[in-house]
Amino acid sequence: MKFLSVVVLLVMAPSFVWGQLCNRNYDKRVATIHQGARNQEGLKPRLVLTGSSTIRRWAQTDSLFPQFDVVNAGFGGSCFADLWRLRDTLIYALQPRVLLIYEGDNDLYDGTPQDEIVVWAGLLLEDIALRLPKTQVVVIAPKASAARYHLANSYRELSDKLRMAAMMHGASWVDFWNVQHHSNGTLRTELFADDRLHLNDLGYEVWARELWRQLPWLKPNP
C-alpha cells in the first residue's frame, strides 16, 4: 500500500496543480467507448487499448488483432492520473483479457515530475494486478516525436522508470523508441502526421510490426 500513501499525500498537497493537458472531462469519449463495446458479440477474448491520443488515433486495431474483440479506449490529452481516476469504467468494466496502456507522454510534457508520474503508474498497475490477476498487461513506453523532441532525454529517463514499474507488477514492456529512429540516431520524421506529434499510417505500421516482434504472442495466427 505504499503507492496509495504517497498518492494521497500528492493529491492533498496544495502544490499539486494540473497542467493544460491532464484532468479534462472525458465523459463523451467514455460513452462512445462503451457504446462500441456493447456492440461486440463477445465471442472472443477482449483486448483493450487505453491511454492518450496516440492510442485513440490508432485506427483499425481490430484488423491488427483479429483473434480478439478489440476496444480502443484511448482518450485524448490523458495522463496516468486520469486513467487511474477512470479505471473502473475504462478498464474493469470492460474486463480485458489483454490490456495495452500508453500514458506518460502528456504527463511529462504537461510538467508533471517524473517520480510523480511513476507513482500514478505504479498505483494503477498494482491495482490491476490485484483486481485482474489473469489479465495480460502491456505498458508502452512514451514515444519519440518531433514536436516534443527537446524533451527526449527526459522521456528516456521516464521510460527507464516506467519499465521498472511494469516489471515490478508483472506487466510486459514495449518500447518503440529505436524503430522510430534511423540507424544514425536521427528521428524518422516520415512516421508523423503534420502536427509532428501524432503518428501517421506508416508510423502505426512500424509500431504494429515492432509490437509483434517484441511480443510475438500478440501476433495473429497464420
C-alpha atoms as a PDB file:
ATOM      1  CA  MET A   1       0.000   0.000   0.000  1.00  0.00           C
ATOM      2  CA  LYS A   2       2.986   2.317  -0.147  1.00  0.00           C
ATOM      3  CA  PHE A   3       1.867   3.702  -3.513  1.00  0.00           C
ATOM      4  CA  LEU A   4      -1.528   4.611  -2.071  1.00  0.00           C
ATOM      5  CA  SER A   5       0.028   6.506   0.821  1.00  0.00           C
ATOM      6  CA  VAL A   6       2.212   8.556  -1.482  1.00  0.00           C
ATOM      7  CA  VAL A   7      -0.654   9.328  -3.844  1.00  0.00           C
ATOM      8  CA  VAL A   8      -2.880  10.506  -1.009  1.00  0.00           C
ATOM      9  CA  LEU A   9      -0.176  12.935   0.059  1.00  0.00           C
ATOM     10  CA  LEU A  10       0.254  14.169  -3.507  1.00  0.00           C
ATOM     11  CA  VAL A  11      -3.455  14.717  -4.044  1.00  0.00           C
ATOM     12  CA  MET A  12      -3.839  16.600  -0.766  1.00  0.00           C
ATOM     13  CA  ALA A  13      -0.774  18.765  -1.208  1.00  0.00           C
ATOM     14  CA  PRO A  14      -1.569  22.365  -2.226  1.00  0.00           C
ATOM     15  CA  SER A  15       1.299  22.326  -4.711  1.00  0.00           C
ATOM     16  CA  PHE A  16      -0.301  19.538  -6.749  1.00  0.00           C
ATOM     17  CA  VAL A  17      -1.562  21.553  -9.734  1.00  0.00           C
ATOM     18  CA  TRP A  18      -2.738  20.144 -13.038  1.00  0.00           C
ATOM     19  CA  GLY A  19      -1.332  21.500 -16.309  1.00  0.00           C
ATOM     20  CA  GLN A  20      -3.216  22.152 -19.504  1.00  0.00           C
ATOM     21  CA  LEU A  21      -3.486  18.581 -20.790  1.00  0.00           C
ATOM     22  CA  CYS A  22      -4.354  16.349 -17.851  1.00  0.00           C
ATOM     23  CA  ASN A  23      -7.608  16.209 -15.893  1.00  0.00           C
ATOM     24  CA  ARG A  24     -10.043  17.003 -18.670  1.00  0.00           C
ATOM     25  CA  ASN A  25     -13.660  15.968 -18.902  1.00  0.00           C
ATOM     26  CA  TYR A  26     -13.741  12.710 -20.869  1.00  0.00           C
ATOM     27  CA  ASP A  27     -17.416  11.789 -20.366  1.00  0.00           C
ATOM     28  CA  LYS A  28     -18.357  11.988 -24.051  1.00  0.00           C
ATOM     29  CA  ARG A  29     -15.417   9.845 -25.132  1.00  0.00           C
ATOM     30  CA  VAL A  30     -16.089   7.280 -22.403  1.00  0.00           C
ATOM     31  CA  ALA A  31     -19.719   6.972 -23.558  1.00  0.00           C
ATOM     32  CA  THR A  32     -18.536   6.337 -27.130  1.00  0.00           C
ATOM     33  CA  ILE A  33     -16.100   3.672 -25.931  1.00  0.00           C
ATOM     34  CA  HIS A  34     -18.788   1.798 -24.024  1.00  0.00           C
ATOM     35  CA  GLN A  35     -21.239   2.000 -26.905  1.00  0.00           C
ATOM     36  CA  GLY A  36     -18.685   0.322 -29.158  1.00  0.00           C
ATOM     37  CA  ALA A  37     -18.005  -2.372 -26.563  1.00  0.00           C
ATOM     38  CA  ARG A  38     -21.740  -3.115 -26.220  1.00  0.00           C
ATOM     39  CA  ASN A  39     -21.966  -3.694 -29.974  1.00  0.00           C
ATOM     40  CA  GLN A  40     -19.449  -6.545 -29.852  1.00  0.00           C
ATOM     41  CA  GLU A  41     -20.718 -10.122 -29.975  1.00  0.00           C
ATOM     42  CA  GLY A  42     -18.439 -11.207 -27.145  1.00  0.00           C
ATOM     43  CA  LEU A  43     -17.380 -14.449 -28.820  1.00  0.00           C
ATOM     44  CA  LYS A  44     -13.655 -13.746 -28.485  1.00  0.00           C
ATOM     45  CA  PRO A  45     -11.461 -12.647 -25.588  1.00  0.00           C
ATOM     46  CA  ARG A  46     -11.265  -8.878 -25.303  1.00  0.00           C
ATOM     47  CA  LEU A  47      -8.201  -6.734 -25.924  1.00  0.00           C
ATOM     48  CA  VAL A  48      -8.428  -3.165 -24.638  1.00  0.00           C
ATOM     49  CA  LEU A  49      -6.085  -0.385 -25.690  1.00  0.00           C
ATOM     50  CA  THR A  50      -6.194   2.649 -23.456  1.00  0.00           C
ATOM     51  CA  GLY A  51      -4.239   5.830 -22.903  1.00  0.00           C
ATOM     52  CA  SER A  52      -3.830   9.161 -24.612  1.00  0.00           C
ATOM     53  CA  SER A  53      -4.485  10.258 -28.208  1.00  0.00           C
ATOM     54  CA  THR A  54      -1.623   8.151 -29.576  1.00  0.00           C
ATOM     55  CA  ILE A  55      -3.858   5.184 -28.761  1.00  0.00           C
ATOM     56  CA  ARG A  56      -7.135   6.894 -29.639  1.00  0.00           C
ATOM     57  CA  ARG A  57      -5.873   7.696 -33.151  1.00  0.00           C
ATOM     58  CA  TRP A  58      -4.616   4.150 -33.809  1.00  0.00           C
ATOM     59  CA  ALA A  59      -7.126   3.107 -36.466  1.00  0.00           C
ATOM     60  CA  GLN A  60      -8.171  -0.413 -37.487  1.00  0.00           C
ATOM     61  CA  THR A  61      -6.739  -2.083 -34.407  1.00  0.00           C
ATOM     62  CA  ASP A  62      -9.422  -4.742 -34.779  1.00  0.00           C
ATOM     63  CA  SER A  63      -7.747  -5.897 -38.011  1.00  0.00           C
ATOM     64  CA  LEU A  64      -4.346  -5.987 -36.289  1.00  0.00           C
ATOM     65  CA  PHE A  65      -5.658  -8.279 -33.557  1.00  0.00           C
ATOM     66  CA  PRO A  66      -8.404 -10.354 -35.223  1.00  0.00           C
ATOM     67  CA  GLN A  67      -8.124 -13.038 -32.545  1.00  0.00           C
ATOM     68  CA  PHE A  68      -9.641 -10.574 -30.051  1.00  0.00           C
ATOM     69  CA  ASP A  69     -12.673  -8.385 -29.627  1.00  0.00           C
ATOM     70  CA  VAL A  70     -10.799  -5.078 -29.648  1.00  0.00           C
ATOM     71  CA  VAL A  71     -11.890  -1.973 -27.762  1.00  0.00           C
ATOM     72  CA  ASN A  72      -9.956   1.216 -28.409  1.00  0.00           C
ATOM     73  CA  ALA A  73     -10.431   3.011 -25.098  1.00  0.00           C
ATOM     74  CA  GLY A  74      -7.964   5.794 -25.835  1.00  0.00           C
ATOM     75  CA  PHE A  75      -8.940   9.252 -24.601  1.00  0.00           C
ATOM     76  CA  GLY A  76      -7.019  12.228 -25.937  1.00  0.00           C
ATOM     77  CA  GLY A  77      -5.000  14.502 -23.682  1.00  0.00           C
ATOM     78  CA  SER A  78      -4.972  12.000 -20.858  1.00  0.00           C
ATOM     79  CA  CYS A  79      -2.337  11.220 -18.255  1.00  0.00           C
ATOM     80  CA  PHE A  80      -1.703   8.325 -15.848  1.00  0.00           C
ATOM     81  CA  ALA A  81      -3.705  10.035 -13.114  1.00  0.00           C
ATOM     82  CA  ASP A  82      -6.689  10.293 -15.471  1.00  0.00           C
ATOM     83  CA  LEU A  83      -6.539   6.588 -16.226  1.00  0.00           C
ATOM     84  CA  TRP A  84      -6.325   5.881 -12.515  1.00  0.00           C
ATOM     85  CA  ARG A  85      -9.400   8.037 -11.905  1.00  0.00           C
ATOM     86  CA  LEU A  86     -11.361   6.339 -14.712  1.00  0.00           C
ATOM     87  CA  ARG A  87     -10.019   2.820 -14.162  1.00  0.00           C
ATOM     88  CA  ASP A  88     -13.399   1.378 -13.153  1.00  0.00           C
ATOM     89  CA  THR A  89     -15.131   2.452 -16.351  1.00  0.00           C
ATOM     90  CA  LEU A  90     -12.234   2.217 -18.849  1.00  0.00           C
ATOM     91  CA  ILE A  91     -10.581  -0.952 -17.566  1.00  0.00           C
ATOM     92  CA  TYR A  92     -12.563  -3.034 -15.086  1.00  0.00           C
ATOM     93  CA  ALA A  93     -15.985  -2.566 -16.683  1.00  0.00           C
ATOM     94  CA  LEU A  94     -14.536  -3.800 -19.986  1.00  0.00           C
ATOM     95  CA  GLN A  95     -12.960  -6.933 -18.438  1.00  0.00           C
ATOM     96  CA  PRO A  96      -9.979  -7.238 -20.819  1.00  0.00           C
ATOM     97  CA  ARG A  97      -8.038 -10.444 -21.304  1.00  0.00           C
ATOM     98  CA  VAL A  98      -5.214  -8.250 -22.658  1.00  0.00           C
ATOM     99  CA  LEU A  99      -4.707  -4.600 -21.720  1.00  0.00           C
ATOM    100  CA  LEU A 100      -2.345  -2.216 -23.536  1.00  0.00           C
ATOM    101  CA  ILE A 101      -1.580   1.057 -21.737  1.00  0.00           C
ATOM    102  CA  TYR A 102       0.013   4.161 -23.244  1.00  0.00           C
ATOM    103  CA  GLU A 103       0.430   7.094 -20.886  1.00  0.00           C
ATOM    104  CA  GLY A 104       3.303   9.280 -19.696  1.00  0.00           C
ATOM    105  CA  ASP A 105       3.714  11.273 -22.895  1.00  0.00           C
ATOM    106  CA  ASN A 106       1.320  14.057 -21.918  1.00  0.00           C
ATOM    107  CA  ASP A 107       2.230  13.790 -18.239  1.00  0.00           C
ATOM    108  CA  LEU A 108       5.837  14.746 -18.856  1.00  0.00           C
ATOM    109  CA  TYR A 109       5.044  17.428 -21.431  1.00  0.00           C
ATOM    110  CA  ASP A 110       2.482  18.890 -19.017  1.00  0.00           C
ATOM    111  CA  GLY A 111       5.164  19.388 -16.390  1.00  0.00           C
ATOM    112  CA  THR A 112       4.327  16.542 -14.017  1.00  0.00           C
ATOM    113  CA  PRO A 113       7.537  15.452 -12.218  1.00  0.00           C
ATOM    114  CA  GLN A 114       8.838  12.067 -13.319  1.00  0.00           C
ATOM    115  CA  ASP A 115       8.630  10.499  -9.875  1.00  0.00           C
ATOM    116  CA  GLU A 116       5.015  11.608  -9.564  1.00  0.00           C
ATOM    117  CA  ILE A 117       4.188  10.033 -12.931  1.00  0.00           C
ATOM    118  CA  VAL A 118       5.756   6.777 -11.785  1.00  0.00           C
ATOM    119  CA  VAL A 119       3.725   6.861  -8.565  1.00  0.00           C
ATOM    120  CA  TRP A 120       0.452   7.066 -10.519  1.00  0.00           C
ATOM    121  CA  ALA A 121       1.632   4.353 -12.909  1.00  0.00           C
ATOM    122  CA  GLY A 122       2.666   2.077 -10.068  1.00  0.00           C
ATOM    123  CA  LEU A 123      -0.589   2.601  -8.214  1.00  0.00           C
ATOM    124  CA  LEU A 124      -2.568   1.741 -11.348  1.00  0.00           C
ATOM    125  CA  LEU A 125      -0.519  -1.355 -12.173  1.00  0.00           C
ATOM    126  CA  GLU A 126      -0.722  -2.575  -8.593  1.00  0.00           C
ATOM    127  CA  ASP A 127      -4.498  -2.200  -8.606  1.00  0.00           C
ATOM    128  CA  ILE A 128      -4.846  -4.008 -11.942  1.00  0.00           C
ATOM    129  CA  ALA A 129      -2.661  -6.874 -10.730  1.00  0.00           C
ATOM    130  CA  LEU A 130      -4.925  -7.287  -7.698  1.00  0.00           C
ATOM    131  CA  ARG A 131      -8.280  -6.937  -9.436  1.00  0.00           C
ATOM    132  CA  LEU A 132      -7.497  -8.560 -12.795  1.00  0.00           C
ATOM    133  CA  PRO A 133      -4.833 -11.135 -11.947  1.00  0.00           C
ATOM    134  CA  LYS A 134      -5.417 -13.133 -15.172  1.00  0.00           C
ATOM    135  CA  THR A 135      -5.190 -10.121 -17.480  1.00  0.00           C
ATOM    136  CA  GLN A 136      -2.013  -9.755 -19.507  1.00  0.00           C
ATOM    137  CA  VAL A 137      -0.953  -6.127 -19.164  1.00  0.00           C
ATOM    138  CA  VAL A 138       1.346  -4.393 -21.666  1.00  0.00           C
ATOM    139  CA  VAL A 139       2.834  -0.981 -20.894  1.00  0.00           C
ATOM    140  CA  ILE A 140       4.039   1.034 -23.894  1.00  0.00           C
ATOM    141  CA  ALA A 141       6.922   3.458 -23.436  1.00  0.00           C
ATOM    142  CA  PRO A 142       6.362   7.156 -24.198  1.00  0.00           C
ATOM    143  CA  LYS A 143       7.163   7.625 -27.870  1.00  0.00           C
ATOM    144  CA  ALA A 144       9.625   9.879 -29.625  1.00  0.00           C
ATOM    145  CA  SER A 145       8.054  12.759 -31.550  1.00  0.00           C
ATOM    146  CA  ALA A 146       9.380  15.732 -33.470  1.00  0.00           C
ATOM    147  CA  ALA A 147       7.114  18.163 -31.604  1.00  0.00           C
ATOM    148  CA  ARG A 148       8.483  17.138 -28.187  1.00  0.00           C
ATOM    149  CA  TYR A 149      11.991  16.089 -29.090  1.00  0.00           C
ATOM    150  CA  HIS A 150      13.511  18.809 -26.937  1.00  0.00           C
ATOM    151  CA  LEU A 151      12.443  16.593 -24.020  1.00  0.00           C
ATOM    152  CA  ALA A 152      13.981  13.424 -25.478  1.00  0.00           C
ATOM    153  CA  ASN A 153      16.386  12.841 -22.585  1.00  0.00           C
ATOM    154  CA  SER A 154      13.599  13.252 -20.044  1.00  0.00           C
ATOM    155  CA  TYR A 155      11.405  10.843 -21.993  1.00  0.00           C
ATOM    156  CA  ARG A 156      14.141   8.209 -21.925  1.00  0.00           C
ATOM    157  CA  GLU A 157      14.658   8.704 -18.199  1.00  0.00           C
ATOM    158  CA  LEU A 158      10.926   8.331 -17.615  1.00  0.00           C
ATOM    159  CA  SER A 159      10.822   5.208 -19.770  1.00  0.00           C
ATOM    160  CA  ASP A 160      13.502   3.565 -17.644  1.00  0.00           C
ATOM    161  CA  LYS A 161      11.446   4.250 -14.506  1.00  0.00           C
ATOM    162  CA  LEU A 162       8.186   3.080 -16.056  1.00  0.00           C
ATOM    163  CA  ARG A 163       9.849  -0.104 -17.316  1.00  0.00           C
ATOM    164  CA  MET A 164      10.921  -0.930 -13.772  1.00  0.00           C
ATOM    165  CA  ALA A 165       7.383  -0.259 -12.511  1.00  0.00           C
ATOM    166  CA  ALA A 166       5.940  -2.521 -15.209  1.00  0.00           C
ATOM    167  CA  MET A 167       8.345  -5.333 -14.366  1.00  0.00           C
ATOM    168  CA  MET A 168       7.640  -4.947 -10.647  1.00  0.00           C
ATOM    169  CA  HIS A 169       3.933  -5.577 -11.265  1.00  0.00           C
ATOM    170  CA  GLY A 170       4.261  -8.411 -13.778  1.00  0.00           C
ATOM    171  CA  ALA A 171       3.404  -6.358 -16.877  1.00  0.00           C
ATOM    172  CA  SER A 172       5.077  -6.662 -20.273  1.00  0.00           C
ATOM    173  CA  TRP A 173       7.037  -3.684 -21.559  1.00  0.00           C
ATOM    174  CA  VAL A 174       7.216  -2.440 -25.158  1.00  0.00           C
ATOM    175  CA  ASP A 175       9.461   0.367 -26.364  1.00  0.00           C
ATOM    176  CA  PHE A 176       9.222   1.774 -29.897  1.00  0.00           C
ATOM    177  CA  TRP A 177      11.934   4.402 -29.483  1.00  0.00           C
ATOM    178  CA  ASN A 178      14.612   2.635 -31.531  1.00  0.00           C
ATOM    179  CA  VAL A 179      12.390   1.805 -34.510  1.00  0.00           C
ATOM    180  CA  GLN A 180      11.310   5.444 -34.663  1.00  0.00           C
ATOM    181  CA  HIS A 181      14.914   6.421 -35.374  1.00  0.00           C
ATOM    182  CA  HIS A 182      17.324   5.876 -38.249  1.00  0.00           C
ATOM    183  CA  SER A 183      20.498   3.876 -37.665  1.00  0.00           C
ATOM    184  CA  ASN A 184      22.403   7.169 -37.293  1.00  0.00           C
ATOM    185  CA  GLY A 185      20.177   8.187 -34.363  1.00  0.00           C
ATOM    186  CA  THR A 186      18.042  10.778 -36.141  1.00  0.00           C
ATOM    187  CA  LEU A 187      14.281  10.743 -35.817  1.00  0.00           C
ATOM    188  CA  ARG A 188      12.257   9.209 -38.646  1.00  0.00           C
ATOM    189  CA  THR A 189      10.111  12.259 -39.333  1.00  0.00           C
ATOM    190  CA  GLU A 190       8.232  10.425 -42.101  1.00  0.00           C
ATOM    191  CA  LEU A 191       6.376   8.485 -39.388  1.00  0.00           C
ATOM    192  CA  PHE A 192       4.479  11.535 -38.145  1.00  0.00           C
ATOM    193  CA  ALA A 193       1.353  13.474 -39.045  1.00  0.00           C
ATOM    194  CA  ASP A 194       1.531  17.163 -39.939  1.00  0.00           C
ATOM    195  CA  ASP A 195       1.361  18.157 -36.267  1.00  0.00           C
ATOM    196  CA  ARG A 196       4.745  16.415 -35.769  1.00  0.00           C
ATOM    197  CA  LEU A 197       3.333  14.827 -32.619  1.00  0.00           C
ATOM    198  CA  HIS A 198       0.997  12.027 -33.633  1.00  0.00           C
ATOM    199  CA  LEU A 199       1.850   9.054 -35.790  1.00  0.00           C
ATOM    200  CA  ASN A 200       0.606   8.675 -39.356  1.00  0.00           C
ATOM    201  CA  ASP A 201      -0.401   5.385 -41.006  1.00  0.00           C
ATOM    202  CA  LEU A 202       3.226   4.450 -41.683  1.00  0.00           C
ATOM    203  CA  GLY A 203       4.122   5.178 -38.074  1.00  0.00           C
ATOM    204  CA  TYR A 204       1.423   2.842 -36.821  1.00  0.00           C
ATOM    205  CA  GLU A 205       2.542   0.153 -39.278  1.00  0.00           C
ATOM    206  CA  VAL A 206       6.029   0.376 -37.782  1.00  0.00           C
ATOM    207  CA  TRP A 207       4.522   0.123 -34.290  1.00  0.00           C
ATOM    208  CA  ALA A 208       2.479  -2.949 -35.185  1.00  0.00           C
ATOM    209  CA  ARG A 209       5.447  -4.825 -36.669  1.00  0.00           C
ATOM    210  CA  GLU A 210       7.632  -3.987 -33.689  1.00  0.00           C
ATOM    211  CA  LEU A 211       4.914  -4.886 -31.203  1.00  0.00           C
ATOM    212  CA  TRP A 212       4.613  -8.329 -32.773  1.00  0.00           C
ATOM    213  CA  ARG A 213       8.400  -8.704 -32.786  1.00  0.00           C
ATOM    214  CA  GLN A 214       8.726  -7.836 -29.111  1.00  0.00           C
ATOM    215  CA  LEU A 215       5.573  -9.695 -28.046  1.00  0.00           C
ATOM    216  CA  PRO A 216       5.034 -12.481 -30.601  1.00  0.00           C
ATOM    217  CA  TRP A 217       2.131 -13.892 -28.567  1.00  0.00           C
ATOM    218  CA  LEU A 218       0.087 -10.883 -29.742  1.00  0.00           C
ATOM    219  CA  LYS A 219       0.624 -11.697 -33.409  1.00  0.00           C
ATOM    220  CA  PRO A 220      -2.422 -13.273 -35.094  1.00  0.00           C
ATOM    221  CA  ASN A 221      -2.151 -16.921 -36.006  1.00  0.00           C
ATOM    222  CA  PRO A 222      -1.473 -17.528 -39.710  1.00  0.00           C
END
